[in-house]
């Protein structure tokens, strides 16, 4: 698979002209030695960078994706200066770490490797 127009997962909030597309897939996948045996896979984008994901099967990732969406929304709300005044928060501001979760079906999906 070389030079496609398929956008890489986890770019929902990128401007359209900055979306990275799949250039090729790494020929090597690592199988992690856990119960569900997830696979660590890498894609090379059209920008030349490597993007690594965990492919998980036998799990419903829709709930994980919604949780990441909620945490991103909370980070946005808490980062807004007018909300900080209303909540009487002071530096340092704490933000939740988020990562991309892309369900591919009811029983599998991709999780951004961080």
PDB file of N, CA and C in Angstrom:
ATOM      1  N   UNK A   1       0.849  -1.167   0.000  1.00  0.00           N
ATOM      2  CA  UNK A   1       0.000   0.000   0.000  1.00  0.00           C
ATOM      3  C   UNK A   1       0.901   1.238   0.000  1.00  0.00           C
ATOM      4  N   UNK A   2       0.919   1.948  -1.085  1.00  0.00           N
ATOM      5  CA  UNK A   2       1.750   3.140  -1.206  1.00  0.00           C
ATOM      6  C   UNK A   2       0.933   4.323  -1.711  1.00  0.00           C
ATOM      7  N   UNK A   3       1.214   5.510  -1.168  1.00  0.00           N
ATOM      8  CA  UNK A   3       0.654   6.782  -1.637  1.00  0.00           C
ATOM      9  C   UNK A   3      -0.860   6.754  -1.800  1.00  0.00           C
ATOM     10  N   UNK A   4      -1.580   6.728  -0.704  1.00  0.00           N
ATOM     11  CA  UNK A   4      -3.039   6.742  -0.748  1.00  0.00           C
ATOM     12  C   UNK A   4      -3.558   8.115  -0.334  1.00  0.00           C
ATOM     13  N   UNK A   5      -4.859   8.306  -0.460  1.00  0.00           N
ATOM     14  CA  UNK A   5      -5.507   9.532   0.005  1.00  0.00           C
ATOM     15  C   UNK A   5      -6.218   9.271   1.326  1.00  0.00           C
ATOM     16  N   UNK A   6      -5.866   8.182   1.997  1.00  0.00           N
ATOM     17  CA  UNK A   6      -6.505   7.821   3.267  1.00  0.00           C
ATOM     18  C   UNK A   6      -5.883   8.652   4.385  1.00  0.00           C
ATOM     19  N   UNK A   7      -6.701   9.441   5.109  1.00  0.00           N
ATOM     20  CA  UNK A   7      -6.136  10.220   6.220  1.00  0.00           C
ATOM     21  C   UNK A   7      -5.774   9.304   7.391  1.00  0.00           C
ATOM     22  N   UNK A   8      -4.691   9.621   8.075  1.00  0.00           N
ATOM     23  CA  UNK A   8      -4.305   8.844   9.253  1.00  0.00           C
ATOM     24  C   UNK A   8      -5.287   9.123  10.384  1.00  0.00           C
ATOM     25  N   UNK A   9      -5.542   8.150  11.262  1.00  0.00           N
ATOM     26  CA  UNK A   9      -6.467   8.345  12.377  1.00  0.00           C
ATOM     27  C   UNK A   9      -5.982   9.424  13.341  1.00  0.00           C
ATOM     28  N   UNK A  10      -6.928  10.020  14.063  1.00  0.00           N
ATOM     29  CA  UNK A  10      -6.593  10.968  15.116  1.00  0.00           C
ATOM     30  C   UNK A  10      -6.404  12.392  14.661  1.00  0.00           C
ATOM     31  N   UNK A  11      -6.919  12.739  13.503  1.00  0.00           N
ATOM     32  CA  UNK A  11      -6.755  14.100  12.993  1.00  0.00           C
ATOM     33  C   UNK A  11      -8.095  14.825  12.876  1.00  0.00           C
ATOM     34  N   UNK A  12      -9.033  14.493  13.734  1.00  0.00           N
ATOM     35  CA  UNK A  12     -10.375  15.050  13.650  1.00  0.00           C
ATOM     36  C   UNK A  12     -10.398  16.570  13.780  1.00  0.00           C
ATOM     37  N   UNK A  13      -9.436  17.134  14.484  1.00  0.00           N
ATOM     38  CA  UNK A  13      -9.445  18.566  14.766  1.00  0.00           C
ATOM     39  C   UNK A  13      -8.426  19.341  13.939  1.00  0.00           C
ATOM     40  N   UNK A  14      -7.800  18.699  12.974  1.00  0.00           N
ATOM     41  CA  UNK A  14      -6.816  19.380  12.119  1.00  0.00           C
ATOM     42  C   UNK A  14      -7.532  20.132  11.002  1.00  0.00           C
ATOM     43  N   UNK A  15      -7.002  21.291  10.611  1.00  0.00           N
ATOM     44  CA  UNK A  15      -7.539  21.952   9.418  1.00  0.00           C
ATOM     45  C   UNK A  15      -7.379  21.036   8.204  1.00  0.00           C
ATOM     46  N   UNK A  16      -8.323  21.119   7.286  1.00  0.00           N
ATOM     47  CA  UNK A  16      -8.357  20.200   6.142  1.00  0.00           C
ATOM     48  C   UNK A  16      -7.054  20.194   5.352  1.00  0.00           C
ATOM     49  N   UNK A  17      -6.437  21.359   5.184  1.00  0.00           N
ATOM     50  CA  UNK A  17      -5.217  21.424   4.372  1.00  0.00           C
ATOM     51  C   UNK A  17      -3.988  20.891   5.100  1.00  0.00           C
ATOM     52  N   UNK A  18      -4.110  20.537   6.384  1.00  0.00           N
ATOM     53  CA  UNK A  18      -2.980  20.014   7.154  1.00  0.00           C
ATOM     54  C   UNK A  18      -3.099  18.521   7.455  1.00  0.00           C
ATOM     55  N   UNK A  19      -4.118  17.870   6.924  1.00  0.00           N
ATOM     56  CA  UNK A  19      -4.341  16.449   7.207  1.00  0.00           C
ATOM     57  C   UNK A  19      -3.247  15.605   6.549  1.00  0.00           C
ATOM     58  N   UNK A  20      -2.666  14.718   7.349  1.00  0.00           N
ATOM     59  CA  UNK A  20      -1.611  13.813   6.870  1.00  0.00           C
ATOM     60  C   UNK A  20      -2.277  12.547   6.336  1.00  0.00           C
ATOM     61  N   UNK A  21      -1.870  12.131   5.159  1.00  0.00           N
ATOM     62  CA  UNK A  21      -2.434  10.920   4.567  1.00  0.00           C
ATOM     63  C   UNK A  21      -1.419   9.780   4.630  1.00  0.00           C
ATOM     64  N   UNK A  22      -1.926   8.584   4.459  1.00  0.00           N
ATOM     65  CA  UNK A  22      -1.109   7.374   4.536  1.00  0.00           C
ATOM     66  C   UNK A  22      -0.236   7.242   3.293  1.00  0.00           C
ATOM     67  N   UNK A  23       1.064   7.245   3.499  1.00  0.00           N
ATOM     68  CA  UNK A  23       2.016   7.035   2.397  1.00  0.00           C
ATOM     69  C   UNK A  23       2.287   5.541   2.242  1.00  0.00           C
ATOM     70  N   UNK A  24       2.614   4.894   3.374  1.00  0.00           N
ATOM     71  CA  UNK A  24       2.803   3.445   3.363  1.00  0.00           C
ATOM     72  C   UNK A  24       2.724   2.918   4.787  1.00  0.00           C
ATOM     73  N   UNK A  25       2.620   1.608   4.883  1.00  0.00           N
ATOM     74  CA  UNK A  25       2.534   0.936   6.178  1.00  0.00           C
ATOM     75  C   UNK A  25       3.835   0.192   6.422  1.00  0.00           C
ATOM     76  N   UNK A  26       4.310   0.235   7.644  1.00  0.00           N
ATOM     77  CA  UNK A  26       5.520  -0.496   7.991  1.00  0.00           C
ATOM     78  C   UNK A  26       5.271  -1.995   7.804  1.00  0.00           C
ATOM     79  N   UNK A  27       6.218  -2.728   7.258  1.00  0.00           N
ATOM     80  CA  UNK A  27       6.017  -4.162   7.036  1.00  0.00           C
ATOM     81  C   UNK A  27       6.103  -4.994   8.316  1.00  0.00           C
ATOM     82  N   UNK A  28       6.509  -4.384   9.418  1.00  0.00           N
ATOM     83  CA  UNK A  28       6.683  -5.110  10.674  1.00  0.00           C
ATOM     84  C   UNK A  28       5.588  -4.711  11.660  1.00  0.00           C
ATOM     85  N   UNK A  29       4.961  -5.701  12.280  1.00  0.00           N
ATOM     86  CA  UNK A  29       3.980  -5.479  13.343  1.00  0.00           C
ATOM     87  C   UNK A  29       4.421  -6.305  14.544  1.00  0.00           C
ATOM     88  N   UNK A  30       4.374  -5.704  15.711  1.00  0.00           N
ATOM     89  CA  UNK A  30       4.764  -6.401  16.937  1.00  0.00           C
ATOM     90  C   UNK A  30       3.511  -6.875  17.656  1.00  0.00           C
ATOM     91  N   UNK A  31       3.499  -8.139  18.053  1.00  0.00           N
ATOM     92  CA  UNK A  31       2.393  -8.700  18.815  1.00  0.00           C
ATOM     93  C   UNK A  31       2.773  -8.625  20.284  1.00  0.00           C
ATOM     94  N   UNK A  32       1.961  -7.921  21.070  1.00  0.00           N
ATOM     95  CA  UNK A  32       2.255  -7.787  22.496  1.00  0.00           C
ATOM     96  C   UNK A  32       1.781  -9.032  23.238  1.00  0.00           C
ATOM     97  N   UNK A  33       2.566  -9.508  24.196  1.00  0.00           N
ATOM     98  CA  UNK A  33       2.260 -10.772  24.874  1.00  0.00           C
ATOM     99  C   UNK A  33       1.251 -10.604  26.018  1.00  0.00           C
ATOM    100  N   UNK A  34       0.044 -10.153  25.692  1.00  0.00           N
ATOM    101  CA  UNK A  34      -1.016 -10.028  26.693  1.00  0.00           C
ATOM    102  C   UNK A  34      -2.187 -10.914  26.277  1.00  0.00           C
ATOM    103  N   UNK A  35      -3.235 -10.912  27.074  1.00  0.00           N
ATOM    104  CA  UNK A  35      -4.364 -11.809  26.846  1.00  0.00           C
ATOM    105  C   UNK A  35      -4.992 -11.649  25.457  1.00  0.00           C
ATOM    106  N   UNK A  36      -5.232 -10.400  25.032  1.00  0.00           N
ATOM    107  CA  UNK A  36      -5.896 -10.183  23.741  1.00  0.00           C
ATOM    108  C   UNK A  36      -4.922 -10.049  22.576  1.00  0.00           C
ATOM    109  N   UNK A  37      -3.614 -10.083  22.844  1.00  0.00           N
ATOM    110  CA  UNK A  37      -2.561 -10.037  21.836  1.00  0.00           C
ATOM    111  C   UNK A  37      -2.712  -8.865  20.861  1.00  0.00           C
ATOM    112  N   UNK A  38      -2.747  -7.625  21.375  1.00  0.00           N
ATOM    113  CA  UNK A  38      -2.836  -6.462  20.482  1.00  0.00           C
ATOM    114  C   UNK A  38      -1.567  -6.324  19.648  1.00  0.00           C
ATOM    115  N   UNK A  39      -1.692  -5.630  18.526  1.00  0.00           N
ATOM    116  CA  UNK A  39      -0.564  -5.463  17.604  1.00  0.00           C
ATOM    117  C   UNK A  39      -0.121  -4.008  17.565  1.00  0.00           C
ATOM    118  N   UNK A  40       1.184  -3.782  17.654  1.00  0.00           N
ATOM    119  CA  UNK A  40       1.760  -2.442  17.515  1.00  0.00           C
ATOM    120  C   UNK A  40       2.141  -2.278  16.050  1.00  0.00           C
ATOM    121  N   UNK A  41       1.470  -1.331  15.372  1.00  0.00           N
ATOM    122  CA  UNK A  41       1.715  -1.130  13.947  1.00  0.00           C
ATOM    123  C   UNK A  41       2.114   0.320  13.689  1.00  0.00           C
ATOM    124  N   UNK A  42       2.809   0.540  12.591  1.00  0.00           N
ATOM    125  CA  UNK A  42       3.275   1.889  12.250  1.00  0.00           C
ATOM    126  C   UNK A  42       2.889   2.237  10.822  1.00  0.00           C
ATOM    127  N   UNK A  43       2.488   3.492  10.651  1.00  0.00           N
ATOM    128  CA  UNK A  43       2.188   4.047   9.334  1.00  0.00           C
ATOM    129  C   UNK A  43       3.175   5.164   9.061  1.00  0.00           C
ATOM    130  N   UNK A  44       3.545   5.334   7.817  1.00  0.00           N
ATOM    131  CA  UNK A  44       4.377   6.464   7.413  1.00  0.00           C
ATOM    132  C   UNK A  44       3.461   7.419   6.660  1.00  0.00           C
ATOM    133  N   UNK A  45       3.412   8.669   7.139  1.00  0.00           N
ATOM    134  CA  UNK A  45       2.548   9.665   6.524  1.00  0.00           C
ATOM    135  C   UNK A  45       3.206  10.326   5.331  1.00  0.00           C
ATOM    136  N   UNK A  46       2.416  11.098   4.586  1.00  0.00           N
ATOM    137  CA  UNK A  46       2.961  11.792   3.422  1.00  0.00           C
ATOM    138  C   UNK A  46       3.906  12.922   3.821  1.00  0.00           C
ATOM    139  N   UNK A  47       4.009  13.202   5.132  1.00  0.00           N
ATOM    140  CA  UNK A  47       4.980  14.184   5.623  1.00  0.00           C
ATOM    141  C   UNK A  47       6.308  13.522   5.999  1.00  0.00           C
ATOM    142  N   UNK A  48       6.413  12.197   5.822  1.00  0.00           N
ATOM    143  CA  UNK A  48       7.645  11.470   6.108  1.00  0.00           C
ATOM    144  C   UNK A  48       7.777  11.000   7.541  1.00  0.00           C
ATOM    145  N   UNK A  49       6.856  11.374   8.417  1.00  0.00           N
ATOM    146  CA  UNK A  49       6.918  10.974   9.827  1.00  0.00           C
ATOM    147  C   UNK A  49       6.256   9.614  10.018  1.00  0.00           C
ATOM    148  N   UNK A  50       6.686   8.920  11.080  1.00  0.00           N
ATOM    149  CA  UNK A  50       6.112   7.626  11.433  1.00  0.00           C
ATOM    150  C   UNK A  50       5.068   7.824  12.522  1.00  0.00           C
ATOM    151  N   UNK A  51       3.905   7.222  12.339  1.00  0.00           N
ATOM    152  CA  UNK A  51       2.802   7.301  13.293  1.00  0.00           C
ATOM    153  C   UNK A  51       2.511   5.883  13.775  1.00  0.00           C
ATOM    154  N   UNK A  52       2.597   5.680  15.087  1.00  0.00           N
ATOM    155  CA  UNK A  52       2.452   4.343  15.658  1.00  0.00           C
ATOM    156  C   UNK A  52       1.110   4.222  16.372  1.00  0.00           C
ATOM    157  N   UNK A  53       0.474   3.067  16.202  1.00  0.00           N
ATOM    158  CA  UNK A  53      -0.825   2.794  16.802  1.00  0.00           C
ATOM    159  C   UNK A  53      -0.834   1.389  17.379  1.00  0.00           C
ATOM    160  N   UNK A  54      -1.756   1.171  18.298  1.00  0.00           N
ATOM    161  CA  UNK A  54      -2.005  -0.152  18.849  1.00  0.00           C
ATOM    162  C   UNK A  54      -3.317  -0.632  18.245  1.00  0.00           C
ATOM    163  N   UNK A  55      -3.276  -1.749  17.532  1.00  0.00           N
ATOM    164  CA  UNK A  55      -4.492  -2.336  16.978  1.00  0.00           C
ATOM    165  C   UNK A  55      -5.019  -3.335  17.994  1.00  0.00           C
ATOM    166  N   UNK A  56      -6.217  -3.054  18.518  1.00  0.00           N
ATOM    167  CA  UNK A  56      -6.805  -3.933  19.531  1.00  0.00           C
ATOM    168  C   UNK A  56      -8.036  -4.610  18.961  1.00  0.00           C
ATOM    169  N   UNK A  57      -8.114  -5.896  19.172  1.00  0.00           N
ATOM    170  CA  UNK A  57      -9.284  -6.668  18.795  1.00  0.00           C
ATOM    171  C   UNK A  57      -9.959  -7.199  20.045  1.00  0.00           C
ATOM    172  N   UNK A  58     -11.139  -7.728  19.892  1.00  0.00           N
ATOM    173  CA  UNK A  58     -11.893  -8.337  20.986  1.00  0.00           C
ATOM    174  C   UNK A  58     -12.276  -7.337  22.068  1.00  0.00           C
ATOM    175  N   UNK A  59     -12.328  -6.034  21.725  1.00  0.00           N
ATOM    176  CA  UNK A  59     -12.742  -5.014  22.687  1.00  0.00           C
ATOM    177  C   UNK A  59     -13.555  -3.952  21.980  1.00  0.00           C
ATOM    178  N   UNK A  60     -14.546  -3.411  22.678  1.00  0.00           N
ATOM    179  CA  UNK A  60     -15.342  -2.312  22.157  1.00  0.00           C
ATOM    180  C   UNK A  60     -14.658  -1.005  22.547  1.00  0.00           C
ATOM    181  N   UNK A  61     -14.167  -0.259  21.572  1.00  0.00           N
ATOM    182  CA  UNK A  61     -13.434   0.972  21.852  1.00  0.00           C
ATOM    183  C   UNK A  61     -14.304   2.222  21.743  1.00  0.00           C
ATOM    184  N   UNK A  62     -15.613   2.066  21.508  1.00  0.00           N
ATOM    185  CA  UNK A  62     -16.480   3.236  21.400  1.00  0.00           C
ATOM    186  C   UNK A  62     -16.517   4.031  22.704  1.00  0.00           C
ATOM    187  N   UNK A  63     -16.544   3.347  23.832  1.00  0.00           N
ATOM    188  CA  UNK A  63     -16.567   4.033  25.132  1.00  0.00           C
ATOM    189  C   UNK A  63     -15.254   4.779  25.353  1.00  0.00           C
ATOM    190  N   UNK A  64     -14.140   4.169  24.998  1.00  0.00           N
ATOM    191  CA  UNK A  64     -12.832   4.831  25.130  1.00  0.00           C
ATOM    192  C   UNK A  64     -12.782   6.096  24.265  1.00  0.00           C
ATOM    193  N   UNK A  65     -13.322   6.008  23.047  1.00  0.00           N
ATOM    194  CA  UNK A  65     -13.325   7.165  22.145  1.00  0.00           C
ATOM    195  C   UNK A  65     -14.161   8.299  22.729  1.00  0.00           C
ATOM    196  N   UNK A  66     -15.304   7.973  23.298  1.00  0.00           N
ATOM    197  CA  UNK A  66     -16.165   9.005  23.906  1.00  0.00           C
ATOM    198  C   UNK A  66     -15.502   9.619  25.134  1.00  0.00           C
ATOM    199  N   UNK A  67     -14.797   8.818  25.911  1.00  0.00           N
ATOM    200  CA  UNK A  67     -14.095   9.342  27.081  1.00  0.00           C
ATOM    201  C   UNK A  67     -13.007  10.328  26.656  1.00  0.00           C
ATOM    202  N   UNK A  68     -12.256  10.006  25.613  1.00  0.00           N
ATOM    203  CA  UNK A  68     -11.226  10.934  25.112  1.00  0.00           C
ATOM    204  C   UNK A  68     -11.868  12.218  24.599  1.00  0.00           C
ATOM    205  N   UNK A  69     -13.036  12.099  23.966  1.00  0.00           N
ATOM    206  CA  UNK A  69     -13.756  13.282  23.487  1.00  0.00           C
ATOM    207  C   UNK A  69     -14.174  14.157  24.671  1.00  0.00           C
ATOM    208  N   UNK A  70     -14.654  13.549  25.741  1.00  0.00           N
ATOM    209  CA  UNK A  70     -15.039  14.290  26.944  1.00  0.00           C
ATOM    210  C   UNK A  70     -13.834  14.981  27.572  1.00  0.00           C
ATOM    211  N   UNK A  71     -12.713  14.285  27.674  1.00  0.00           N
ATOM    212  CA  UNK A  71     -11.513  14.889  28.268  1.00  0.00           C
ATOM    213  C   UNK A  71     -10.983  16.052  27.432  1.00  0.00           C
ATOM    214  N   UNK A  72     -11.032  15.923  26.094  1.00  0.00           N
ATOM    215  CA  UNK A  72     -10.608  17.040  25.231  1.00  0.00           C
ATOM    216  C   UNK A  72     -11.516  18.247  25.430  1.00  0.00           C
ATOM    217  N   UNK A  73     -12.823  17.992  25.581  1.00  0.00           N
ATOM    218  CA  UNK A  73     -13.769  19.082  25.806  1.00  0.00           C
ATOM    219  C   UNK A  73     -13.498  19.755  27.154  1.00  0.00           C
ATOM    220  N   UNK A  74     -13.239  18.976  28.191  1.00  0.00           N
ATOM    221  CA  UNK A  74     -12.912  19.542  29.510  1.00  0.00           C
ATOM    222  C   UNK A  74     -11.632  20.370  29.439  1.00  0.00           C
ATOM    223  N   UNK A  75     -10.620  19.880  28.746  1.00  0.00           N
ATOM    224  CA  UNK A  75      -9.375  20.641  28.585  1.00  0.00           C
ATOM    225  C   UNK A  75      -9.641  21.977  27.907  1.00  0.00           C
ATOM    226  N   UNK A  76     -10.508  21.974  26.895  1.00  0.00           N
ATOM    227  CA  UNK A  76     -10.840  23.213  26.182  1.00  0.00           C
ATOM    228  C   UNK A  76     -11.560  24.189  27.100  1.00  0.00           C
ATOM    229  N   UNK A  77     -12.500  23.697  27.874  1.00  0.00           N
ATOM    230  CA  UNK A  77     -13.259  24.563  28.787  1.00  0.00           C
ATOM    231  C   UNK A  77     -12.341  25.155  29.844  1.00  0.00           C
ATOM    232  N   UNK A  78     -11.486  24.344  30.433  1.00  0.00           N
ATOM    233  CA  UNK A  78     -10.609  24.840  31.498  1.00  0.00           C
ATOM    234  C   UNK A  78      -9.507  25.748  30.978  1.00  0.00           C
ATOM    235  N   UNK A  79      -9.160  25.635  29.701  1.00  0.00           N
ATOM    236  CA  UNK A  79      -8.112  26.483  29.132  1.00  0.00           C
ATOM    237  C   UNK A  79      -8.624  27.872  28.766  1.00  0.00           C
ATOM    238  N   UNK A  80      -9.938  28.041  28.670  1.00  0.00           N
ATOM    239  CA  UNK A  80     -10.521  29.337  28.303  1.00  0.00           C
ATOM    240  C   UNK A  80     -10.380  30.317  29.466  1.00  0.00           C
ATOM    241  N   UNK A  81      -9.721  31.468  29.271  1.00  0.00           N
ATOM    242  CA  UNK A  81      -9.483  32.430  30.366  1.00  0.00           C
ATOM    243  C   UNK A  81     -10.753  32.917  31.051  1.00  0.00           C
ATOM    244  N   UNK A  82     -11.849  33.093  30.311  1.00  0.00           N
ATOM    245  CA  UNK A  82     -13.077  33.574  30.964  1.00  0.00           C
ATOM    246  C   UNK A  82     -13.654  32.513  31.905  1.00  0.00           C
ATOM    247  N   UNK A  83     -13.489  31.230  31.574  1.00  0.00           N
ATOM    248  CA  UNK A  83     -13.944  30.170  32.469  1.00  0.00           C
ATOM    249  C   UNK A  83     -13.043  30.057  33.691  1.00  0.00           C
ATOM    250  N   UNK A  84     -11.758  30.332  33.539  1.00  0.00           N
ATOM    251  CA  UNK A  84     -10.837  30.271  34.673  1.00  0.00           C
ATOM    252  C   UNK A  84     -11.204  31.320  35.714  1.00  0.00           C
ATOM    253  N   UNK A  85     -11.612  32.496  35.266  1.00  0.00           N
ATOM    254  CA  UNK A  85     -12.026  33.536  36.222  1.00  0.00           C
ATOM    255  C   UNK A  85     -13.281  33.104  36.965  1.00  0.00           C
ATOM    256  N   UNK A  86     -14.222  32.509  36.247  1.00  0.00           N
ATOM    257  CA  UNK A  86     -15.472  32.083  36.869  1.00  0.00           C
ATOM    258  C   UNK A  86     -15.251  30.947  37.863  1.00  0.00           C
ATOM    259  N   UNK A  87     -14.270  30.084  37.591  1.00  0.00           N
ATOM    260  CA  UNK A  87     -14.019  28.940  38.469  1.00  0.00           C
ATOM    261  C   UNK A  87     -12.962  29.241  39.515  1.00  0.00           C
ATOM    262  N   UNK A  88     -12.418  30.461  39.458  1.00  0.00           N
ATOM    263  CA  UNK A  88     -11.388  30.893  40.402  1.00  0.00           C
ATOM    264  C   UNK A  88     -10.207  29.917  40.412  1.00  0.00           C
ATOM    265  N   UNK A  89      -9.746  29.560  39.230  1.00  0.00           N
ATOM    266  CA  UNK A  89      -8.568  28.693  39.134  1.00  0.00           C
ATOM    267  C   UNK A  89      -7.342  29.546  38.877  1.00  0.00           C
ATOM    268  N   UNK A  90      -6.233  29.111  39.360  1.00  0.00           N
ATOM    269  CA  UNK A  90      -4.972  29.831  39.197  1.00  0.00           C
ATOM    270  C   UNK A  90      -3.922  28.874  38.635  1.00  0.00           C
ATOM    271  N   UNK A  91      -2.904  29.424  37.987  1.00  0.00           N
ATOM    272  CA  UNK A  91      -1.843  28.545  37.463  1.00  0.00           C
ATOM    273  C   UNK A  91      -1.223  27.737  38.581  1.00  0.00           C
ATOM    274  N   UNK A  92      -0.694  26.545  38.374  1.00  0.00           N
ATOM    275  CA  UNK A  92      -0.653  25.877  37.080  1.00  0.00           C
ATOM    276  C   UNK A  92      -1.995  25.233  36.741  1.00  0.00           C
ATOM    277  N   UNK A  93      -2.380  25.298  35.483  1.00  0.00           N
ATOM    278  CA  UNK A  93      -3.621  24.685  35.036  1.00  0.00           C
ATOM    279  C   UNK A  93      -3.337  23.228  34.702  1.00  0.00           C
ATOM    280  N   UNK A  94      -4.174  22.370  35.167  1.00  0.00           N
ATOM    281  CA  UNK A  94      -3.985  20.940  34.922  1.00  0.00           C
ATOM    282  C   UNK A  94      -4.829  20.528  33.724  1.00  0.00           C
ATOM    283  N   UNK A  95      -4.250  19.745  32.869  1.00  0.00           N
ATOM    284  CA  UNK A  95      -4.981  19.213  31.726  1.00  0.00           C
ATOM    285  C   UNK A  95      -4.846  17.698  31.723  1.00  0.00           C
ATOM    286  N   UNK A  96      -5.875  17.060  31.228  1.00  0.00           N
ATOM    287  CA  UNK A  96      -5.856  15.603  31.115  1.00  0.00           C
ATOM    288  C   UNK A  96      -5.115  15.217  29.842  1.00  0.00           C
ATOM    289  N   UNK A  97      -4.282  14.207  29.928  1.00  0.00           N
ATOM    290  CA  UNK A  97      -3.589  13.696  28.742  1.00  0.00           C
ATOM    291  C   UNK A  97      -4.598  12.942  27.880  1.00  0.00           C
ATOM    292  N   UNK A  98      -4.605  13.241  26.600  1.00  0.00           N
ATOM    293  CA  UNK A  98      -5.526  12.561  25.690  1.00  0.00           C
ATOM    294  C   UNK A  98      -4.744  11.933  24.542  1.00  0.00           C
ATOM    295  N   UNK A  99      -5.364  10.989  23.891  1.00  0.00           N
ATOM    296  CA  UNK A  99      -4.776  10.318  22.744  1.00  0.00           C
ATOM    297  C   UNK A  99      -5.911   9.894  21.833  1.00  0.00           C
ATOM    298  N   UNK A 100      -5.576   9.580  20.616  1.00  0.00           N
ATOM    299  CA  UNK A 100      -6.573   9.223  19.612  1.00  0.00           C
ATOM    300  C   UNK A 100      -7.052   7.783  19.808  1.00  0.00           C
ATOM    301  N   UNK A 101      -8.369   7.606  19.791  1.00  0.00           N
ATOM    302  CA  UNK A 101      -8.975   6.275  19.802  1.00  0.00           C
ATOM    303  C   UNK A 101      -9.919   6.226  18.605  1.00  0.00           C
ATOM    304  N   UNK A 102      -9.675   5.302  17.685  1.00  0.00           N
ATOM    305  CA  UNK A 102     -10.475   5.199  16.467  1.00  0.00           C
ATOM    306  C   UNK A 102     -11.103   3.813  16.383  1.00  0.00           C
ATOM    307  N   UNK A 103     -12.387   3.681  16.764  1.00  0.00           N
ATOM    308  CA  UNK A 103     -13.050   2.387  16.602  1.00  0.00           C
ATOM    309  C   UNK A 103     -13.189   2.059  15.120  1.00  0.00           C
ATOM    310  N   UNK A 104     -12.874   0.838  14.751  1.00  0.00           N
ATOM    311  CA  UNK A 104     -13.013   0.390  13.368  1.00  0.00           C
ATOM    312  C   UNK A 104     -14.218  -0.520  13.202  1.00  0.00           C
ATOM    313  N   UNK A 105     -14.833  -0.865  14.294  1.00  0.00           N
ATOM    314  CA  UNK A 105     -15.997  -1.731  14.303  1.00  0.00           C
ATOM    315  C   UNK A 105     -16.393  -1.967  15.747  1.00  0.00           C
ATOM    316  N   UNK A 106     -17.334  -2.871  15.963  1.00  0.00           N
ATOM    317  CA  UNK A 106     -17.811  -3.135  17.317  1.00  0.00           C
ATOM    318  C   UNK A 106     -16.786  -3.868  18.174  1.00  0.00           C
ATOM    319  N   UNK A 107     -15.805  -4.518  17.549  1.00  0.00           N
ATOM    320  CA  UNK A 107     -14.874  -5.348  18.315  1.00  0.00           C
ATOM    321  C   UNK A 107     -13.402  -5.064  18.047  1.00  0.00           C
ATOM    322  N   UNK A 108     -13.071  -3.934  17.402  1.00  0.00           N
ATOM    323  CA  UNK A 108     -11.659  -3.636  17.152  1.00  0.00           C
ATOM    324  C   UNK A 108     -11.467  -2.150  16.888  1.00  0.00           C
ATOM    325  N   UNK A 109     -10.218  -1.706  16.969  1.00  0.00           N
ATOM    326  CA  UNK A 109      -9.928  -0.307  16.698  1.00  0.00           C
ATOM    327  C   UNK A 109      -8.453   0.008  16.869  1.00  0.00           C
ATOM    328  N   UNK A 110      -8.116   1.272  16.602  1.00  0.00           N
ATOM    329  CA  UNK A 110      -6.745   1.764  16.701  1.00  0.00           C
ATOM    330  C   UNK A 110      -6.632   2.766  17.835  1.00  0.00           C
ATOM    331  N   UNK A 111      -5.563   2.648  18.619  1.00  0.00           N
ATOM    332  CA  UNK A 111      -5.270   3.574  19.709  1.00  0.00           C
ATOM    333  C   UNK A 111      -3.904   4.180  19.440  1.00  0.00           C
ATOM    334  N   UNK A 112      -3.840   5.509  19.485  1.00  0.00           N
ATOM    335  CA  UNK A 112      -2.575   6.204  19.241  1.00  0.00           C
ATOM    336  C   UNK A 112      -1.542   5.783  20.275  1.00  0.00           C
ATOM    337  N   UNK A 113      -0.354   5.462  19.818  1.00  0.00           N
ATOM    338  CA  UNK A 113       0.752   5.079  20.700  1.00  0.00           C
ATOM    339  C   UNK A 113       1.411   6.351  21.210  1.00  0.00           C
ATOM    340  N   UNK A 114       1.384   6.554  22.522  1.00  0.00           N
ATOM    341  CA  UNK A 114       2.017   7.757  23.108  1.00  0.00           C
ATOM    342  C   UNK A 114       3.176   7.376  23.985  1.00  0.00           C
TER     343      UNK A 114
END
